[in-house]
Amino acid sequence: RIDQNNIVSAGNTAGAGASMALLSLKER
């Protein structure tokens, strides 16, 4: 229970992480 203004949707983080892993050896 916190101020709802402090909650921000991060969107499709799984998709972003998968893309990073596919495109970057360092991230993988």
mmCIF file of all heavy atoms, coordinates in Angstrom:
data_MODEL
# 
_entry.id   MODEL 
# 
loop_
_atom_site.group_PDB 
_atom_site.id 
_atom_site.type_symbol 
_atom_site.label_atom_id 
_atom_site.label_alt_id 
_atom_site.label_comp_id 
_atom_site.label_asym_id 
_atom_site.label_entity_id 
_atom_site.label_seq_id 
_atom_site.pdbx_PDB_ins_code 
_atom_site.Cartn_x 
_atom_site.Cartn_y 
_atom_site.Cartn_z 
_atom_site.occupancy 
_atom_site.B_iso_or_equiv 
_atom_site.pdbx_formal_charge 
_atom_site.auth_seq_id 
_atom_site.auth_comp_id 
_atom_site.auth_asym_id 
_atom_site.auth_atom_id 
_atom_site.pdbx_PDB_model_num 
ATOM 1   N N   . ARG A 1 1  ? 0.856  -1.185  0.000   1.00 0.00 ? 1  ARG A N   1 
ATOM 2   C CA  . ARG A 1 1  ? 0.000  0.000   0.000   1.00 0.00 ? 1  ARG A CA  1 
ATOM 3   C C   . ARG A 1 1  ? 0.897  1.242   0.000   1.00 0.00 ? 1  ARG A C   1 
ATOM 4   O O   . ARG A 1 1  ? 1.409  1.658   1.041   1.00 0.00 ? 1  ARG A O   1 
ATOM 5   C CB  . ARG A 1 1  ? -0.896 0.009   1.237   1.00 0.00 ? 1  ARG A CB  1 
ATOM 6   C CG  . ARG A 1 1  ? -2.018 -0.955  1.114   1.00 0.00 ? 1  ARG A CG  1 
ATOM 7   C CD  . ARG A 1 1  ? -3.284 -0.184  0.805   1.00 0.00 ? 1  ARG A CD  1 
ATOM 8   N NE  . ARG A 1 1  ? -4.333 -1.129  0.456   1.00 0.00 ? 1  ARG A NE  1 
ATOM 9   C CZ  . ARG A 1 1  ? -5.167 -0.930  -0.550  1.00 0.00 ? 1  ARG A CZ  1 
ATOM 10  N NH1 . ARG A 1 1  ? -5.083 0.150   -1.265  1.00 0.00 ? 1  ARG A NH1 1 
ATOM 11  N NH2 . ARG A 1 1  ? -6.075 -1.803  -0.825  1.00 0.00 ? 1  ARG A NH2 1 
ATOM 12  N N   . ILE A 1 2  ? 1.124  1.780   -1.179  1.00 0.00 ? 2  ILE A N   1 
ATOM 13  C CA  . ILE A 1 2  ? 1.902  3.007   -1.339  1.00 0.00 ? 2  ILE A CA  1 
ATOM 14  C C   . ILE A 1 2  ? 1.138  3.935   -2.272  1.00 0.00 ? 2  ILE A C   1 
ATOM 15  O O   . ILE A 1 2  ? 0.136  3.548   -2.865  1.00 0.00 ? 2  ILE A O   1 
ATOM 16  C CB  . ILE A 1 2  ? 3.318  2.720   -1.916  1.00 0.00 ? 2  ILE A CB  1 
ATOM 17  C CG1 . ILE A 1 2  ? 3.225  2.072   -3.304  1.00 0.00 ? 2  ILE A CG1 1 
ATOM 18  C CG2 . ILE A 1 2  ? 4.130  1.859   -0.964  1.00 0.00 ? 2  ILE A CG2 1 
ATOM 19  C CD1 . ILE A 1 2  ? 4.555  1.940   -4.012  1.00 0.00 ? 2  ILE A CD1 1 
ATOM 20  N N   . ASP A 1 3  ? 1.615  5.141   -2.407  1.00 0.00 ? 3  ASP A N   1 
ATOM 21  C CA  . ASP A 1 3  ? 1.015  6.095   -3.330  1.00 0.00 ? 3  ASP A CA  1 
ATOM 22  C C   . ASP A 1 3  ? 1.070  5.513   -4.736  1.00 0.00 ? 3  ASP A C   1 
ATOM 23  O O   . ASP A 1 3  ? 2.136  5.158   -5.237  1.00 0.00 ? 3  ASP A O   1 
ATOM 24  C CB  . ASP A 1 3  ? 1.777  7.421   -3.264  1.00 0.00 ? 3  ASP A CB  1 
ATOM 25  C CG  . ASP A 1 3  ? 1.190  8.504   -4.142  1.00 0.00 ? 3  ASP A CG  1 
ATOM 26  O OD1 . ASP A 1 3  ? 0.294  8.215   -4.974  1.00 0.00 ? 3  ASP A OD1 1 
ATOM 27  O OD2 . ASP A 1 3  ? 1.635  9.658   -4.013  1.00 0.00 ? 3  ASP A OD2 1 
ATOM 28  N N   . GLN A 1 4  ? -0.078 5.413   -5.383  1.00 0.00 ? 4  GLN A N   1 
ATOM 29  C CA  . GLN A 1 4  ? -0.130 4.817   -6.722  1.00 0.00 ? 4  GLN A CA  1 
ATOM 30  C C   . GLN A 1 4  ? 0.697  5.585   -7.743  1.00 0.00 ? 4  GLN A C   1 
ATOM 31  O O   . GLN A 1 4  ? 1.097  5.022   -8.759  1.00 0.00 ? 4  GLN A O   1 
ATOM 32  C CB  . GLN A 1 4  ? -1.584 4.704   -7.189  1.00 0.00 ? 4  GLN A CB  1 
ATOM 33  C CG  . GLN A 1 4  ? -2.361 3.676   -6.410  1.00 0.00 ? 4  GLN A CG  1 
ATOM 34  C CD  . GLN A 1 4  ? -3.757 3.468   -6.960  1.00 0.00 ? 4  GLN A CD  1 
ATOM 35  O OE1 . GLN A 1 4  ? -4.011 3.726   -8.129  1.00 0.00 ? 4  GLN A OE1 1 
ATOM 36  N NE2 . GLN A 1 4  ? -4.658 2.991   -6.126  1.00 0.00 ? 4  GLN A NE2 1 
ATOM 37  N N   . ASN A 1 5  ? 0.981  6.841   -7.474  1.00 0.00 ? 5  ASN A N   1 
ATOM 38  C CA  . ASN A 1 5  ? 1.824  7.621   -8.385  1.00 0.00 ? 5  ASN A CA  1 
ATOM 39  C C   . ASN A 1 5  ? 3.272  7.132   -8.383  1.00 0.00 ? 5  ASN A C   1 
ATOM 40  O O   . ASN A 1 5  ? 4.042  7.478   -9.270  1.00 0.00 ? 5  ASN A O   1 
ATOM 41  C CB  . ASN A 1 5  ? 1.782  9.107   -8.016  1.00 0.00 ? 5  ASN A CB  1 
ATOM 42  C CG  . ASN A 1 5  ? 0.410  9.694   -8.264  1.00 0.00 ? 5  ASN A CG  1 
ATOM 43  O OD1 . ASN A 1 5  ? -0.256 9.366   -9.245  1.00 0.00 ? 5  ASN A OD1 1 
ATOM 44  N ND2 . ASN A 1 5  ? -0.029 10.555  -7.366  1.00 0.00 ? 5  ASN A ND2 1 
ATOM 45  N N   . ASN A 1 6  ? 3.630  6.336   -7.379  1.00 0.00 ? 6  ASN A N   1 
ATOM 46  C CA  . ASN A 1 6  ? 4.985  5.791   -7.314  1.00 0.00 ? 6  ASN A CA  1 
ATOM 47  C C   . ASN A 1 6  ? 5.129  4.471   -8.066  1.00 0.00 ? 6  ASN A C   1 
ATOM 48  O O   . ASN A 1 6  ? 6.208  3.904   -8.110  1.00 0.00 ? 6  ASN A O   1 
ATOM 49  C CB  . ASN A 1 6  ? 5.407  5.588   -5.857  1.00 0.00 ? 6  ASN A CB  1 
ATOM 50  C CG  . ASN A 1 6  ? 5.596  6.893   -5.133  1.00 0.00 ? 6  ASN A CG  1 
ATOM 51  O OD1 . ASN A 1 6  ? 5.986  7.889   -5.725  1.00 0.00 ? 6  ASN A OD1 1 
ATOM 52  N ND2 . ASN A 1 6  ? 5.280  6.912   -3.852  1.00 0.00 ? 6  ASN A ND2 1 
ATOM 53  N N   . ILE A 1 7  ? 4.043  3.981   -8.642  1.00 0.00 ? 7  ILE A N   1 
ATOM 54  C CA  . ILE A 1 7  ? 4.076  2.725   -9.389  1.00 0.00 ? 7  ILE A CA  1 
ATOM 55  C C   . ILE A 1 7  ? 4.065  3.061   -10.873 1.00 0.00 ? 7  ILE A C   1 
ATOM 56  O O   . ILE A 1 7  ? 3.172  3.745   -11.364 1.00 0.00 ? 7  ILE A O   1 
ATOM 57  C CB  . ILE A 1 7  ? 2.881  1.826   -9.028  1.00 0.00 ? 7  ILE A CB  1 
ATOM 58  C CG1 . ILE A 1 7  ? 2.944  1.475   -7.534  1.00 0.00 ? 7  ILE A CG1 1 
ATOM 59  C CG2 . ILE A 1 7  ? 2.875  0.567   -9.884  1.00 0.00 ? 7  ILE A CG2 1 
ATOM 60  C CD1 . ILE A 1 7  ? 1.746  0.717   -7.028  1.00 0.00 ? 7  ILE A CD1 1 
ATOM 61  N N   . VAL A 1 8  ? 5.084  2.563   -11.585 1.00 0.00 ? 8  VAL A N   1 
ATOM 62  C CA  . VAL A 1 8  ? 5.217  2.836   -13.008 1.00 0.00 ? 8  VAL A CA  1 
ATOM 63  C C   . VAL A 1 8  ? 5.306  1.516   -13.757 1.00 0.00 ? 8  VAL A C   1 
ATOM 64  O O   . VAL A 1 8  ? 6.102  0.647   -13.393 1.00 0.00 ? 8  VAL A O   1 
ATOM 65  C CB  . VAL A 1 8  ? 6.490  3.672   -13.288 1.00 0.00 ? 8  VAL A CB  1 
ATOM 66  C CG1 . VAL A 1 8  ? 6.650  3.934   -14.771 1.00 0.00 ? 8  VAL A CG1 1 
ATOM 67  C CG2 . VAL A 1 8  ? 6.467  4.975   -12.508 1.00 0.00 ? 8  VAL A CG2 1 
ATOM 68  N N   . SER A 1 9  ? 4.485  1.357   -14.786 1.00 0.00 ? 9  SER A N   1 
ATOM 69  C CA  . SER A 1 9  ? 4.533  0.156   -15.602 1.00 0.00 ? 9  SER A CA  1 
ATOM 70  C C   . SER A 1 9  ? 5.823  0.156   -16.418 1.00 0.00 ? 9  SER A C   1 
ATOM 71  O O   . SER A 1 9  ? 6.185  1.155   -17.043 1.00 0.00 ? 9  SER A O   1 
ATOM 72  C CB  . SER A 1 9  ? 3.330  0.104   -16.540 1.00 0.00 ? 9  SER A CB  1 
ATOM 73  O OG  . SER A 1 9  ? 3.464  -0.976  -17.433 1.00 0.00 ? 9  SER A OG  1 
ATOM 74  N N   . ALA A 1 10 ? 6.509  -0.973  -16.411 1.00 0.00 ? 10 ALA A N   1 
ATOM 75  C CA  . ALA A 1 10 ? 7.764  -1.084  -17.152 1.00 0.00 ? 10 ALA A CA  1 
ATOM 76  C C   . ALA A 1 10 ? 7.544  -1.649  -18.554 1.00 0.00 ? 10 ALA A C   1 
ATOM 77  O O   . ALA A 1 10 ? 8.489  -1.779  -19.323 1.00 0.00 ? 10 ALA A O   1 
ATOM 78  C CB  . ALA A 1 10 ? 8.743  -1.960  -16.379 1.00 0.00 ? 10 ALA A CB  1 
ATOM 79  N N   . GLY A 1 11 ? 6.323  -2.024  -18.894 1.00 0.00 ? 11 GLY A N   1 
ATOM 80  C CA  . GLY A 1 11 ? 6.043  -2.524  -20.227 1.00 0.00 ? 11 GLY A CA  1 
ATOM 81  C C   . GLY A 1 11 ? 6.565  -3.935  -20.440 1.00 0.00 ? 11 GLY A C   1 
ATOM 82  O O   . GLY A 1 11 ? 6.645  -4.731  -19.511 1.00 0.00 ? 11 GLY A O   1 
ATOM 83  N N   . ASN A 1 12 ? 6.929  -4.235  -21.653 1.00 0.00 ? 12 ASN A N   1 
ATOM 84  C CA  . ASN A 1 12 ? 7.356  -5.579  -22.026 1.00 0.00 ? 12 ASN A CA  1 
ATOM 85  C C   . ASN A 1 12 ? 8.841  -5.784  -21.723 1.00 0.00 ? 12 ASN A C   1 
ATOM 86  O O   . ASN A 1 12 ? 9.676  -5.841  -22.631 1.00 0.00 ? 12 ASN A O   1 
ATOM 87  C CB  . ASN A 1 12 ? 7.063  -5.830  -23.506 1.00 0.00 ? 12 ASN A CB  1 
ATOM 88  C CG  . ASN A 1 12 ? 7.370  -7.250  -23.922 1.00 0.00 ? 12 ASN A CG  1 
ATOM 89  O OD1 . ASN A 1 12 ? 7.731  -8.078  -23.098 1.00 0.00 ? 12 ASN A OD1 1 
ATOM 90  N ND2 . ASN A 1 12 ? 7.230  -7.530  -25.194 1.00 0.00 ? 12 ASN A ND2 1 
ATOM 91  N N   . THR A 1 13 ? 9.165  -5.907  -20.456 1.00 0.00 ? 13 THR A N   1 
ATOM 92  C CA  . THR A 1 13 ? 10.578 -6.063  -20.074 1.00 0.00 ? 13 THR A CA  1 
ATOM 93  C C   . THR A 1 13 ? 11.127 -7.423  -20.485 1.00 0.00 ? 13 THR A C   1 
ATOM 94  O O   . THR A 1 13 ? 12.314 -7.541  -20.779 1.00 0.00 ? 13 THR A O   1 
ATOM 95  C CB  . THR A 1 13 ? 10.767 -5.848  -18.570 1.00 0.00 ? 13 THR A CB  1 
ATOM 96  O OG1 . THR A 1 13 ? 9.909  -6.740  -17.855 1.00 0.00 ? 13 THR A OG1 1 
ATOM 97  C CG2 . THR A 1 13 ? 10.453 -4.406  -18.182 1.00 0.00 ? 13 THR A CG2 1 
ATOM 98  N N   . ALA A 1 14 ? 10.287 -8.443  -20.525 1.00 0.00 ? 14 ALA A N   1 
ATOM 99  C CA  . ALA A 1 14 ? 10.756 -9.766  -20.961 1.00 0.00 ? 14 ALA A CA  1 
ATOM 100 C C   . ALA A 1 14 ? 11.178 -9.707  -22.421 1.00 0.00 ? 14 ALA A C   1 
ATOM 101 O O   . ALA A 1 14 ? 12.239 -10.232 -22.801 1.00 0.00 ? 14 ALA A O   1 
ATOM 102 C CB  . ALA A 1 14 ? 9.667  -10.811 -20.752 1.00 0.00 ? 14 ALA A CB  1 
ATOM 103 N N   . GLY A 1 15 ? 10.383 -9.061  -23.245 1.00 0.00 ? 15 GLY A N   1 
ATOM 104 C CA  . GLY A 1 15 ? 10.724 -8.922  -24.665 1.00 0.00 ? 15 GLY A CA  1 
ATOM 105 C C   . GLY A 1 15 ? 11.967 -8.076  -24.864 1.00 0.00 ? 15 GLY A C   1 
ATOM 106 O O   . GLY A 1 15 ? 12.830 -8.399  -25.696 1.00 0.00 ? 15 GLY A O   1 
ATOM 107 N N   . ALA A 1 16 ? 12.088 -7.009  -24.086 1.00 0.00 ? 16 ALA A N   1 
ATOM 108 C CA  . ALA A 1 16 ? 13.274 -6.154  -24.198 1.00 0.00 ? 16 ALA A CA  1 
ATOM 109 C C   . ALA A 1 16 ? 14.529 -6.917  -23.781 1.00 0.00 ? 16 ALA A C   1 
ATOM 110 O O   . ALA A 1 16 ? 15.574 -6.827  -24.442 1.00 0.00 ? 16 ALA A O   1 
ATOM 111 C CB  . ALA A 1 16 ? 13.103 -4.902  -23.336 1.00 0.00 ? 16 ALA A CB  1 
ATOM 112 N N   . GLY A 1 17 ? 14.433 -7.688  -22.703 1.00 0.00 ? 17 GLY A N   1 
ATOM 113 C CA  . GLY A 1 17 ? 15.577 -8.470  -22.244 1.00 0.00 ? 17 GLY A CA  1 
ATOM 114 C C   . GLY A 1 17 ? 15.971 -9.541  -23.247 1.00 0.00 ? 17 GLY A C   1 
ATOM 115 O O   . GLY A 1 17 ? 17.155 -9.783  -23.487 1.00 0.00 ? 17 GLY A O   1 
ATOM 116 N N   . ALA A 1 18 ? 14.978 -10.195 -23.843 1.00 0.00 ? 18 ALA A N   1 
ATOM 117 C CA  . ALA A 1 18 ? 15.266 -11.216 -24.861 1.00 0.00 ? 18 ALA A CA  1 
ATOM 118 C C   . ALA A 1 18 ? 15.964 -10.588 -26.060 1.00 0.00 ? 18 ALA A C   1 
ATOM 119 O O   . ALA A 1 18 ? 16.933 -11.143 -26.589 1.00 0.00 ? 18 ALA A O   1 
ATOM 120 C CB  . ALA A 1 18 ? 13.972 -11.900 -25.288 1.00 0.00 ? 18 ALA A CB  1 
ATOM 121 N N   . SER A 1 19 ? 15.511 -9.419  -26.471 1.00 0.00 ? 19 SER A N   1 
ATOM 122 C CA  . SER A 1 19 ? 16.153 -8.729  -27.593 1.00 0.00 ? 19 SER A CA  1 
ATOM 123 C C   . SER A 1 19 ? 17.596 -8.373  -27.249 1.00 0.00 ? 19 SER A C   1 
ATOM 124 O O   . SER A 1 19 ? 18.500 -8.533  -28.078 1.00 0.00 ? 19 SER A O   1 
ATOM 125 C CB  . SER A 1 19 ? 15.391 -7.447  -27.952 1.00 0.00 ? 19 SER A CB  1 
ATOM 126 O OG  . SER A 1 19 ? 14.111 -7.762  -28.430 1.00 0.00 ? 19 SER A OG  1 
ATOM 127 N N   . MET A 1 20 ? 17.817 -7.873  -26.032 1.00 0.00 ? 20 MET A N   1 
ATOM 128 C CA  . MET A 1 20 ? 19.177 -7.524  -25.613 1.00 0.00 ? 20 MET A CA  1 
ATOM 129 C C   . MET A 1 20 ? 20.085 -8.744  -25.643 1.00 0.00 ? 20 MET A C   1 
ATOM 130 O O   . MET A 1 20 ? 21.225 -8.669  -26.116 1.00 0.00 ? 20 MET A O   1 
ATOM 131 C CB  . MET A 1 20 ? 19.155 -6.908  -24.215 1.00 0.00 ? 20 MET A CB  1 
ATOM 132 C CG  . MET A 1 20 ? 18.518 -5.546  -24.145 1.00 0.00 ? 20 MET A CG  1 
ATOM 133 S SD  . MET A 1 20 ? 18.185 -4.980  -22.452 1.00 0.00 ? 20 MET A SD  1 
ATOM 134 C CE  . MET A 1 20 ? 19.809 -4.957  -21.738 1.00 0.00 ? 20 MET A CE  1 
ATOM 135 N N   . ALA A 1 21 ? 19.583 -9.874  -25.160 1.00 0.00 ? 21 ALA A N   1 
ATOM 136 C CA  . ALA A 1 21 ? 20.380 -11.097 -25.121 1.00 0.00 ? 21 ALA A CA  1 
ATOM 137 C C   . ALA A 1 21 ? 20.691 -11.595 -26.526 1.00 0.00 ? 21 ALA A C   1 
ATOM 138 O O   . ALA A 1 21 ? 21.781 -12.122 -26.780 1.00 0.00 ? 21 ALA A O   1 
ATOM 139 C CB  . ALA A 1 21 ? 19.658 -12.179 -24.321 1.00 0.00 ? 21 ALA A CB  1 
ATOM 140 N N   . LEU A 1 22 ? 19.754 -11.435 -27.442 1.00 0.00 ? 22 LEU A N   1 
ATOM 141 C CA  . LEU A 1 22 ? 19.976 -11.891 -28.812 1.00 0.00 ? 22 LEU A CA  1 
ATOM 142 C C   . LEU A 1 22 ? 20.961 -11.004 -29.562 1.00 0.00 ? 22 LEU A C   1 
ATOM 143 O O   . LEU A 1 22 ? 21.714 -11.481 -30.409 1.00 0.00 ? 22 LEU A O   1 
ATOM 144 C CB  . LEU A 1 22 ? 18.655 -11.931 -29.582 1.00 0.00 ? 22 LEU A CB  1 
ATOM 145 C CG  . LEU A 1 22 ? 17.702 -13.055 -29.193 1.00 0.00 ? 22 LEU A CG  1 
ATOM 146 C CD1 . LEU A 1 22 ? 16.343 -12.836 -29.846 1.00 0.00 ? 22 LEU A CD1 1 
ATOM 147 C CD2 . LEU A 1 22 ? 18.279 -14.403 -29.588 1.00 0.00 ? 22 LEU A CD2 1 
ATOM 148 N N   . LEU A 1 23 ? 20.960 -9.729  -29.242 1.00 0.00 ? 23 LEU A N   1 
ATOM 149 C CA  . LEU A 1 23 ? 21.770 -8.772  -29.995 1.00 0.00 ? 23 LEU A CA  1 
ATOM 150 C C   . LEU A 1 23 ? 23.130 -8.468  -29.385 1.00 0.00 ? 23 LEU A C   1 
ATOM 151 O O   . LEU A 1 23 ? 23.978 -7.881  -30.047 1.00 0.00 ? 23 LEU A O   1 
ATOM 152 C CB  . LEU A 1 23 ? 20.991 -7.457  -30.164 1.00 0.00 ? 23 LEU A CB  1 
ATOM 153 C CG  . LEU A 1 23 ? 19.682 -7.574  -30.952 1.00 0.00 ? 23 LEU A CG  1 
ATOM 154 C CD1 . LEU A 1 23 ? 18.904 -6.272  -30.898 1.00 0.00 ? 23 LEU A CD1 1 
ATOM 155 C CD2 . LEU A 1 23 ? 19.972 -7.972  -32.401 1.00 0.00 ? 23 LEU A CD2 1 
ATOM 156 N N   . SER A 1 24 ? 23.351 -8.859  -28.134 1.00 0.00 ? 24 SER A N   1 
ATOM 157 C CA  . SER A 1 24 ? 24.589 -8.481  -27.448 1.00 0.00 ? 24 SER A CA  1 
ATOM 158 C C   . SER A 1 24 ? 25.183 -9.680  -26.712 1.00 0.00 ? 24 SER A C   1 
ATOM 159 O O   . SER A 1 24 ? 24.555 -10.228 -25.811 1.00 0.00 ? 24 SER A O   1 
ATOM 160 C CB  . SER A 1 24 ? 24.307 -7.352  -26.454 1.00 0.00 ? 24 SER A CB  1 
ATOM 161 O OG  . SER A 1 24 ? 25.406 -7.163  -25.592 1.00 0.00 ? 24 SER A OG  1 
ATOM 162 N N   . LEU A 1 25 ? 26.402 -10.046 -27.083 1.00 0.00 ? 25 LEU A N   1 
ATOM 163 C CA  . LEU A 1 25 ? 27.091 -11.137 -26.399 1.00 0.00 ? 25 LEU A CA  1 
ATOM 164 C C   . LEU A 1 25 ? 27.294 -10.786 -24.925 1.00 0.00 ? 25 LEU A C   1 
ATOM 165 O O   . LEU A 1 25 ? 27.109 -11.633 -24.042 1.00 0.00 ? 25 LEU A O   1 
ATOM 166 C CB  . LEU A 1 25 ? 28.431 -11.434 -27.065 1.00 0.00 ? 25 LEU A CB  1 
ATOM 167 C CG  . LEU A 1 25 ? 29.270 -12.532 -26.425 1.00 0.00 ? 25 LEU A CG  1 
ATOM 168 C CD1 . LEU A 1 25 ? 28.518 -13.850 -26.414 1.00 0.00 ? 25 LEU A CD1 1 
ATOM 169 C CD2 . LEU A 1 25 ? 30.597 -12.680 -27.146 1.00 0.00 ? 25 LEU A CD2 1 
ATOM 170 N N   . LYS A 1 26 ? 27.622 -9.521  -24.627 1.00 0.00 ? 26 LYS A N   1 
ATOM 171 C CA  . LYS A 1 26 ? 27.826 -9.076  -23.249 1.00 0.00 ? 26 LYS A CA  1 
ATOM 172 C C   . LYS A 1 26 ? 26.558 -9.283  -22.419 1.00 0.00 ? 26 LYS A C   1 
ATOM 173 O O   . LYS A 1 26 ? 26.609 -9.805  -21.302 1.00 0.00 ? 26 LYS A O   1 
ATOM 174 C CB  . LYS A 1 26 ? 28.236 -7.605  -23.241 1.00 0.00 ? 26 LYS A CB  1 
ATOM 175 C CG  . LYS A 1 26 ? 28.419 -7.018  -21.870 1.00 0.00 ? 26 LYS A CG  1 
ATOM 176 C CD  . LYS A 1 26 ? 28.756 -5.542  -21.960 1.00 0.00 ? 26 LYS A CD  1 
ATOM 177 C CE  . LYS A 1 26 ? 28.715 -4.907  -20.598 1.00 0.00 ? 26 LYS A CE  1 
ATOM 178 N NZ  . LYS A 1 26 ? 28.881 -3.454  -20.657 1.00 0.00 ? 26 LYS A NZ  1 
ATOM 179 N N   . GLU A 1 27 ? 25.404 -8.897  -22.969 1.00 0.00 ? 27 GLU A N   1 
ATOM 180 C CA  . GLU A 1 27 ? 24.138 -9.050  -22.246 1.00 0.00 ? 27 GLU A CA  1 
ATOM 181 C C   . GLU A 1 27 ? 23.757 -10.522 -22.108 1.00 0.00 ? 27 GLU A C   1 
ATOM 182 O O   . GLU A 1 27 ? 23.218 -10.939 -21.088 1.00 0.00 ? 27 GLU A O   1 
ATOM 183 C CB  . GLU A 1 27 ? 23.020 -8.272  -22.936 1.00 0.00 ? 27 GLU A CB  1 
ATOM 184 C CG  . GLU A 1 27 ? 23.220 -6.768  -22.935 1.00 0.00 ? 27 GLU A CG  1 
ATOM 185 C CD  . GLU A 1 27 ? 23.305 -6.172  -21.543 1.00 0.00 ? 27 GLU A CD  1 
ATOM 186 O OE1 . GLU A 1 27 ? 22.711 -6.729  -20.589 1.00 0.00 ? 27 GLU A OE1 1 
ATOM 187 O OE2 . GLU A 1 27 ? 23.963 -5.127  -21.392 1.00 0.00 ? 27 GLU A OE2 1 
ATOM 188 N N   . ARG A 1 28 ? 24.039 -11.318 -23.131 1.00 0.00 ? 28 ARG A N   1 
ATOM 189 C CA  . ARG A 1 28 ? 23.748 -12.748 -23.063 1.00 0.00 ? 28 ARG A CA  1 
ATOM 190 C C   . ARG A 1 28 ? 24.586 -13.409 -21.976 1.00 0.00 ? 28 ARG A C   1 
ATOM 191 O O   . ARG A 1 28 ? 24.103 -14.232 -21.208 1.00 0.00 ? 28 ARG A O   1 
ATOM 192 C CB  . ARG A 1 28 ? 24.001 -13.395 -24.426 1.00 0.00 ? 28 ARG A CB  1 
ATOM 193 C CG  . ARG A 1 28 ? 23.490 -14.801 -24.530 1.00 0.00 ? 28 ARG A CG  1 
ATOM 194 C CD  . ARG A 1 28 ? 23.393 -15.337 -25.955 1.00 0.00 ? 28 ARG A CD  1 
ATOM 195 N NE  . ARG A 1 28 ? 24.513 -15.050 -26.819 1.00 0.00 ? 28 ARG A NE  1 
ATOM 196 C CZ  . ARG A 1 28 ? 24.478 -14.178 -27.844 1.00 0.00 ? 28 ARG A CZ  1 
ATOM 197 N NH1 . ARG A 1 28 ? 23.381 -13.515 -28.119 1.00 0.00 ? 28 ARG A NH1 1 
ATOM 198 N NH2 . ARG A 1 28 ? 25.538 -13.983 -28.594 1.00 0.00 ? 28 ARG A NH2 1 
# 
